[in-house]
N, C-alpha and C. Protein backbone atom coordinates (compact mmCIF):
# COMPACT_ATOMS: atom_id res chain seq x y z
N MET A 1 -0.34 6.96 -15.04
CA MET A 1 -0.49 6.46 -13.69
C MET A 1 -0.72 4.96 -13.73
N ALA A 2 0.03 4.24 -12.99
CA ALA A 2 -0.11 2.79 -12.95
C ALA A 2 -1.33 2.42 -12.12
N THR A 3 -2.00 1.37 -12.54
CA THR A 3 -3.11 0.89 -11.74
C THR A 3 -2.58 -0.11 -10.73
N ASP A 4 -3.24 -0.19 -9.61
CA ASP A 4 -2.84 -1.16 -8.61
C ASP A 4 -4.08 -1.64 -7.87
N ALA A 5 -3.87 -2.41 -6.84
CA ALA A 5 -4.99 -3.02 -6.12
C ALA A 5 -5.90 -1.97 -5.49
N ARG A 6 -5.40 -0.76 -5.24
CA ARG A 6 -6.26 0.23 -4.61
C ARG A 6 -7.36 0.70 -5.54
N ASP A 7 -7.26 0.41 -6.83
CA ASP A 7 -8.30 0.78 -7.78
C ASP A 7 -9.38 -0.28 -7.89
N ASP A 8 -9.19 -1.43 -7.27
CA ASP A 8 -10.14 -2.53 -7.39
C ASP A 8 -10.66 -2.89 -6.01
N VAL A 9 -11.90 -2.49 -5.73
CA VAL A 9 -12.49 -2.69 -4.42
C VAL A 9 -12.48 -4.15 -4.03
N SER A 10 -12.80 -5.03 -4.95
CA SER A 10 -12.92 -6.44 -4.61
C SER A 10 -11.57 -7.09 -4.33
N ALA A 11 -10.48 -6.49 -4.79
CA ALA A 11 -9.16 -7.09 -4.62
C ALA A 11 -8.50 -6.68 -3.31
N ARG A 12 -9.10 -5.79 -2.57
CA ARG A 12 -8.46 -5.26 -1.38
C ARG A 12 -9.10 -5.77 -0.10
N SER A 13 -8.30 -5.79 0.89
CA SER A 13 -8.82 -5.95 2.23
C SER A 13 -9.34 -4.59 2.65
N LEU A 14 -10.50 -4.54 3.27
CA LEU A 14 -11.06 -3.25 3.65
C LEU A 14 -10.79 -2.94 5.12
N ASP A 15 -9.69 -3.48 5.66
CA ASP A 15 -9.31 -3.14 7.02
C ASP A 15 -8.29 -2.00 7.03
N GLU A 16 -8.21 -1.31 5.92
CA GLU A 16 -7.40 -0.10 5.81
C GLU A 16 -8.12 0.84 4.85
N PRO A 17 -7.80 2.13 4.89
CA PRO A 17 -8.51 3.07 4.01
C PRO A 17 -8.35 2.71 2.53
N LEU A 18 -9.40 3.00 1.79
CA LEU A 18 -9.48 2.74 0.36
C LEU A 18 -9.34 4.08 -0.37
N TYR A 19 -8.39 4.19 -1.27
CA TYR A 19 -8.18 5.44 -2.00
C TYR A 19 -9.09 5.49 -3.22
N ILE A 20 -9.88 6.55 -3.31
CA ILE A 20 -10.87 6.71 -4.37
C ILE A 20 -10.23 7.36 -5.58
N ASP A 21 -10.56 6.83 -6.76
CA ASP A 21 -10.00 7.34 -8.00
C ASP A 21 -11.12 7.86 -8.90
N GLY A 22 -11.82 8.89 -8.44
CA GLY A 22 -12.84 9.53 -9.26
C GLY A 22 -14.27 9.25 -8.81
N ARG A 23 -15.19 9.99 -9.43
CA ARG A 23 -16.61 9.93 -9.06
C ARG A 23 -17.20 8.53 -9.22
N SER A 24 -16.94 7.88 -10.35
CA SER A 24 -17.56 6.57 -10.57
C SER A 24 -17.04 5.55 -9.56
N HIS A 25 -15.77 5.64 -9.20
CA HIS A 25 -15.21 4.75 -8.18
C HIS A 25 -15.91 4.99 -6.84
N LEU A 26 -16.10 6.25 -6.46
CA LEU A 26 -16.80 6.57 -5.22
C LEU A 26 -18.23 6.04 -5.25
N GLU A 27 -18.91 6.23 -6.37
CA GLU A 27 -20.28 5.73 -6.49
C GLU A 27 -20.33 4.21 -6.36
N ASP A 28 -19.37 3.52 -6.95
CA ASP A 28 -19.31 2.06 -6.83
C ASP A 28 -19.12 1.64 -5.37
N VAL A 29 -18.19 2.29 -4.69
CA VAL A 29 -17.89 1.94 -3.30
C VAL A 29 -19.10 2.19 -2.40
N THR A 30 -19.75 3.35 -2.56
CA THR A 30 -20.90 3.65 -1.70
C THR A 30 -22.09 2.77 -2.02
N ALA A 31 -22.19 2.28 -3.25
CA ALA A 31 -23.28 1.37 -3.61
C ALA A 31 -23.03 -0.05 -3.10
N GLU A 32 -21.76 -0.45 -3.04
CA GLU A 32 -21.41 -1.83 -2.68
C GLU A 32 -21.32 -2.08 -1.18
N HIS A 33 -21.22 -1.03 -0.39
CA HIS A 33 -21.00 -1.19 1.05
C HIS A 33 -22.07 -0.44 1.83
N ASP A 34 -22.48 -1.01 2.96
CA ASP A 34 -23.56 -0.42 3.75
C ASP A 34 -23.20 0.95 4.31
N VAL A 35 -22.02 1.07 4.90
CA VAL A 35 -21.60 2.33 5.52
C VAL A 35 -20.20 2.67 5.02
N VAL A 36 -20.05 3.88 4.50
CA VAL A 36 -18.76 4.35 3.98
C VAL A 36 -18.50 5.74 4.53
N LEU A 37 -17.35 5.91 5.18
CA LEU A 37 -16.91 7.22 5.65
C LEU A 37 -15.84 7.71 4.68
N VAL A 38 -16.11 8.83 4.02
CA VAL A 38 -15.20 9.36 3.01
C VAL A 38 -14.45 10.56 3.60
N ASP A 39 -13.14 10.49 3.55
CA ASP A 39 -12.26 11.55 4.03
C ASP A 39 -11.74 12.33 2.82
N PHE A 40 -12.18 13.57 2.68
CA PHE A 40 -11.63 14.47 1.66
C PHE A 40 -10.42 15.13 2.32
N TYR A 41 -9.24 14.88 1.76
CA TYR A 41 -7.99 15.28 2.41
C TYR A 41 -7.02 15.87 1.38
N ALA A 42 -5.91 16.41 1.90
CA ALA A 42 -4.79 16.84 1.06
C ALA A 42 -3.50 16.39 1.75
N ASP A 43 -2.52 16.00 0.95
CA ASP A 43 -1.24 15.54 1.51
C ASP A 43 -0.54 16.62 2.33
N TRP A 44 -0.72 17.89 1.97
CA TRP A 44 -0.04 18.99 2.64
C TRP A 44 -0.76 19.45 3.91
N CYS A 45 -1.90 18.87 4.20
CA CYS A 45 -2.76 19.30 5.30
C CYS A 45 -2.33 18.65 6.62
N GLY A 46 -1.85 19.46 7.56
CA GLY A 46 -1.44 18.95 8.87
C GLY A 46 -2.56 18.23 9.63
N PRO A 47 -3.74 18.86 9.74
CA PRO A 47 -4.84 18.17 10.43
C PRO A 47 -5.23 16.85 9.75
N CYS A 48 -5.12 16.79 8.43
CA CYS A 48 -5.42 15.54 7.71
C CYS A 48 -4.44 14.45 8.13
N GLN A 49 -3.17 14.82 8.26
CA GLN A 49 -2.16 13.86 8.68
C GLN A 49 -2.40 13.39 10.10
N MET A 50 -2.90 14.29 10.97
CA MET A 50 -3.23 13.90 12.34
C MET A 50 -4.40 12.92 12.36
N LEU A 51 -5.32 13.06 11.42
CA LEU A 51 -6.51 12.21 11.36
C LEU A 51 -6.21 10.82 10.80
N ASN A 52 -5.16 10.69 10.00
CA ASN A 52 -4.85 9.42 9.34
C ASN A 52 -4.81 8.21 10.27
N PRO A 53 -4.08 8.27 11.40
CA PRO A 53 -4.03 7.08 12.27
C PRO A 53 -5.41 6.72 12.83
N VAL A 54 -6.23 7.71 13.08
CA VAL A 54 -7.59 7.47 13.58
C VAL A 54 -8.40 6.74 12.52
N LEU A 55 -8.32 7.20 11.28
CA LEU A 55 -9.07 6.57 10.20
C LEU A 55 -8.57 5.15 9.93
N GLU A 56 -7.27 4.94 10.02
CA GLU A 56 -6.72 3.60 9.84
C GLU A 56 -7.25 2.65 10.92
N LYS A 57 -7.32 3.14 12.15
CA LYS A 57 -7.84 2.32 13.25
C LYS A 57 -9.32 2.01 13.04
N LEU A 58 -10.09 3.02 12.62
CA LEU A 58 -11.52 2.81 12.38
C LEU A 58 -11.74 1.82 11.23
N ALA A 59 -10.91 1.89 10.21
CA ALA A 59 -11.03 0.95 9.09
C ALA A 59 -10.82 -0.48 9.58
N ASP A 60 -9.93 -0.64 10.53
CA ASP A 60 -9.59 -1.96 11.04
C ASP A 60 -10.57 -2.48 12.08
N THR A 61 -11.28 -1.57 12.78
CA THR A 61 -12.07 -1.99 13.94
C THR A 61 -13.56 -1.73 13.82
N THR A 62 -14.04 -1.20 12.70
CA THR A 62 -15.48 -0.98 12.53
C THR A 62 -15.96 -1.70 11.28
N ASP A 63 -17.27 -1.73 11.12
CA ASP A 63 -17.86 -2.35 9.93
C ASP A 63 -17.95 -1.38 8.75
N ALA A 64 -17.51 -0.15 8.94
CA ALA A 64 -17.56 0.84 7.86
C ALA A 64 -16.33 0.71 6.96
N VAL A 65 -16.51 1.07 5.71
CA VAL A 65 -15.39 1.23 4.79
C VAL A 65 -14.92 2.67 4.93
N ILE A 66 -13.63 2.87 5.11
CA ILE A 66 -13.05 4.21 5.16
C ILE A 66 -12.44 4.47 3.79
N ALA A 67 -12.92 5.53 3.14
CA ALA A 67 -12.44 5.89 1.81
C ALA A 67 -11.80 7.26 1.86
N LYS A 68 -10.80 7.48 1.02
CA LYS A 68 -10.09 8.75 1.01
C LYS A 68 -10.09 9.34 -0.39
N VAL A 69 -10.36 10.65 -0.46
CA VAL A 69 -10.36 11.38 -1.73
C VAL A 69 -9.36 12.52 -1.61
N ASP A 70 -8.34 12.51 -2.45
CA ASP A 70 -7.35 13.59 -2.49
C ASP A 70 -7.97 14.77 -3.22
N VAL A 71 -8.17 15.88 -2.50
CA VAL A 71 -8.86 17.03 -3.09
C VAL A 71 -8.03 17.71 -4.17
N ASP A 72 -6.72 17.57 -4.13
CA ASP A 72 -5.89 18.16 -5.17
C ASP A 72 -6.02 17.39 -6.49
N GLU A 73 -6.19 16.08 -6.40
CA GLU A 73 -6.35 15.26 -7.60
C GLU A 73 -7.79 15.25 -8.10
N HIS A 74 -8.75 15.46 -7.20
CA HIS A 74 -10.17 15.33 -7.55
C HIS A 74 -10.94 16.57 -7.10
N GLN A 75 -10.54 17.72 -7.64
CA GLN A 75 -11.14 18.99 -7.24
C GLN A 75 -12.63 19.06 -7.56
N GLN A 76 -13.04 18.59 -8.72
CA GLN A 76 -14.46 18.65 -9.08
C GLN A 76 -15.29 17.77 -8.16
N LEU A 77 -14.80 16.60 -7.84
CA LEU A 77 -15.51 15.70 -6.94
C LEU A 77 -15.66 16.35 -5.56
N ALA A 78 -14.58 16.92 -5.06
CA ALA A 78 -14.63 17.60 -3.76
C ALA A 78 -15.61 18.77 -3.82
N GLY A 79 -15.57 19.54 -4.89
CA GLY A 79 -16.48 20.67 -5.05
C GLY A 79 -17.93 20.25 -5.08
N SER A 80 -18.21 19.09 -5.66
CA SER A 80 -19.60 18.62 -5.74
C SER A 80 -20.16 18.28 -4.37
N PHE A 81 -19.29 18.06 -3.39
CA PHE A 81 -19.73 17.81 -2.02
C PHE A 81 -19.62 19.06 -1.16
N GLY A 82 -19.30 20.19 -1.78
CA GLY A 82 -19.20 21.44 -1.03
C GLY A 82 -18.00 21.50 -0.11
N VAL A 83 -16.95 20.75 -0.43
CA VAL A 83 -15.76 20.75 0.41
C VAL A 83 -15.05 22.09 0.25
N ARG A 84 -14.93 22.81 1.35
CA ARG A 84 -14.27 24.12 1.35
C ARG A 84 -12.97 24.10 2.13
N GLY A 85 -12.82 23.09 2.97
CA GLY A 85 -11.61 22.94 3.77
C GLY A 85 -11.37 21.47 4.02
N VAL A 86 -10.15 21.15 4.41
CA VAL A 86 -9.81 19.76 4.68
C VAL A 86 -9.27 19.63 6.10
N PRO A 87 -9.51 18.53 6.73
CA PRO A 87 -10.30 17.40 6.25
C PRO A 87 -11.80 17.67 6.32
N THR A 88 -12.53 17.09 5.38
CA THR A 88 -13.99 17.04 5.42
C THR A 88 -14.38 15.58 5.32
N LEU A 89 -15.25 15.16 6.23
CA LEU A 89 -15.69 13.77 6.28
C LEU A 89 -17.15 13.69 5.87
N VAL A 90 -17.45 12.77 4.96
CA VAL A 90 -18.81 12.57 4.47
C VAL A 90 -19.16 11.10 4.74
N LEU A 91 -20.28 10.89 5.42
CA LEU A 91 -20.71 9.53 5.74
C LEU A 91 -21.88 9.13 4.85
N PHE A 92 -21.75 7.94 4.25
CA PHE A 92 -22.81 7.36 3.41
C PHE A 92 -23.35 6.13 4.12
N ALA A 93 -24.66 5.97 4.11
CA ALA A 93 -25.31 4.76 4.61
C ALA A 93 -26.29 4.30 3.54
N ASP A 94 -26.19 3.05 3.16
CA ASP A 94 -27.04 2.48 2.12
C ASP A 94 -27.03 3.32 0.84
N GLY A 95 -25.84 3.83 0.49
CA GLY A 95 -25.66 4.57 -0.75
C GLY A 95 -26.06 6.03 -0.71
N GLU A 96 -26.57 6.50 0.42
CA GLU A 96 -27.03 7.89 0.54
C GLU A 96 -26.15 8.65 1.51
N GLN A 97 -25.86 9.92 1.19
CA GLN A 97 -25.11 10.77 2.11
C GLN A 97 -26.00 11.09 3.31
N VAL A 98 -25.49 10.82 4.52
CA VAL A 98 -26.28 11.05 5.73
C VAL A 98 -25.65 12.04 6.69
N GLU A 99 -24.35 12.26 6.59
CA GLU A 99 -23.65 13.18 7.49
C GLU A 99 -22.50 13.84 6.74
N GLN A 100 -22.13 15.05 7.20
CA GLN A 100 -20.94 15.72 6.69
C GLN A 100 -20.36 16.57 7.80
N GLN A 101 -19.06 16.44 8.04
CA GLN A 101 -18.37 17.17 9.10
C GLN A 101 -17.05 17.70 8.55
N SER A 102 -16.67 18.89 8.99
CA SER A 102 -15.37 19.44 8.63
C SER A 102 -14.48 19.48 9.86
N GLY A 103 -13.19 19.31 9.63
CA GLY A 103 -12.23 19.38 10.72
C GLY A 103 -11.92 18.02 11.30
N VAL A 104 -10.97 18.02 12.22
CA VAL A 104 -10.54 16.79 12.88
C VAL A 104 -11.50 16.48 14.01
N LEU A 105 -12.07 15.29 13.98
CA LEU A 105 -12.96 14.84 15.04
C LEU A 105 -12.26 13.75 15.84
N PRO A 106 -12.51 13.68 17.15
CA PRO A 106 -11.88 12.63 17.95
C PRO A 106 -12.40 11.25 17.57
N GLU A 107 -11.58 10.25 17.82
CA GLU A 107 -11.93 8.88 17.45
C GLU A 107 -13.28 8.46 18.03
N ASN A 108 -13.53 8.77 19.31
CA ASN A 108 -14.79 8.32 19.92
C ASN A 108 -16.00 8.92 19.24
N ARG A 109 -15.89 10.15 18.78
CA ARG A 109 -17.02 10.79 18.09
C ARG A 109 -17.24 10.16 16.70
N LEU A 110 -16.16 9.90 15.99
CA LEU A 110 -16.27 9.25 14.68
C LEU A 110 -16.81 7.83 14.82
N ARG A 111 -16.33 7.12 15.84
CA ARG A 111 -16.81 5.75 16.07
C ARG A 111 -18.31 5.76 16.36
N ALA A 112 -18.76 6.70 17.20
CA ALA A 112 -20.19 6.79 17.53
C ALA A 112 -21.01 7.12 16.28
N LEU A 113 -20.49 7.99 15.44
CA LEU A 113 -21.17 8.36 14.19
C LEU A 113 -21.33 7.13 13.29
N ILE A 114 -20.26 6.36 13.14
CA ILE A 114 -20.31 5.14 12.32
C ILE A 114 -21.27 4.13 12.92
N GLU A 115 -21.18 3.93 14.23
CA GLU A 115 -22.02 2.92 14.89
C GLU A 115 -23.50 3.26 14.81
N ARG A 116 -23.82 4.53 14.70
CA ARG A 116 -25.22 4.94 14.55
C ARG A 116 -25.83 4.30 13.30
N TYR A 117 -25.02 4.07 12.28
CA TYR A 117 -25.51 3.54 11.01
C TYR A 117 -25.16 2.07 10.78
N THR A 118 -24.28 1.50 11.60
CA THR A 118 -23.90 0.10 11.40
C THR A 118 -24.62 -0.85 12.34
N GLU A 119 -25.29 -0.34 13.33
CA GLU A 119 -25.98 -1.22 14.29
C GLU A 119 -27.42 -1.41 13.93
C-alpha cells in the first residue's frame, strides 16, 4: 500500500475527512485535536454513502476533525469500540470518548453534538 498525505495529519488540510490507518493513527489524531468525530464505515454500506456528504460539510464548517475508519480494513479497531453496524459515529473530546451513535443522523443533530464540545 502506498503512503500518501492522508497518512500524515500535519500534511493535510482538515477541512475534509481524514482517513485513519490503524489504532496508533487514531490515538494520534484524538490526542492532537480537541474534538474528533470518527465515522466507522464500509464502502458497501448504503447509509454510510448517504452520510458522506454530511460529514464532508461538517469537516469544512465546524471546528471538529472528521475521521473515517474502514471497518473492513480495521476490524479489530472497530471491534474495540463495540461497532456492530455501520455507520457508527464516535465523538472524542480532549482525547476521551464522550459519545457514540449508530446509524445515519441528520446534519443538524451531528452539528449540535459537535458544538456541545467545541464551544
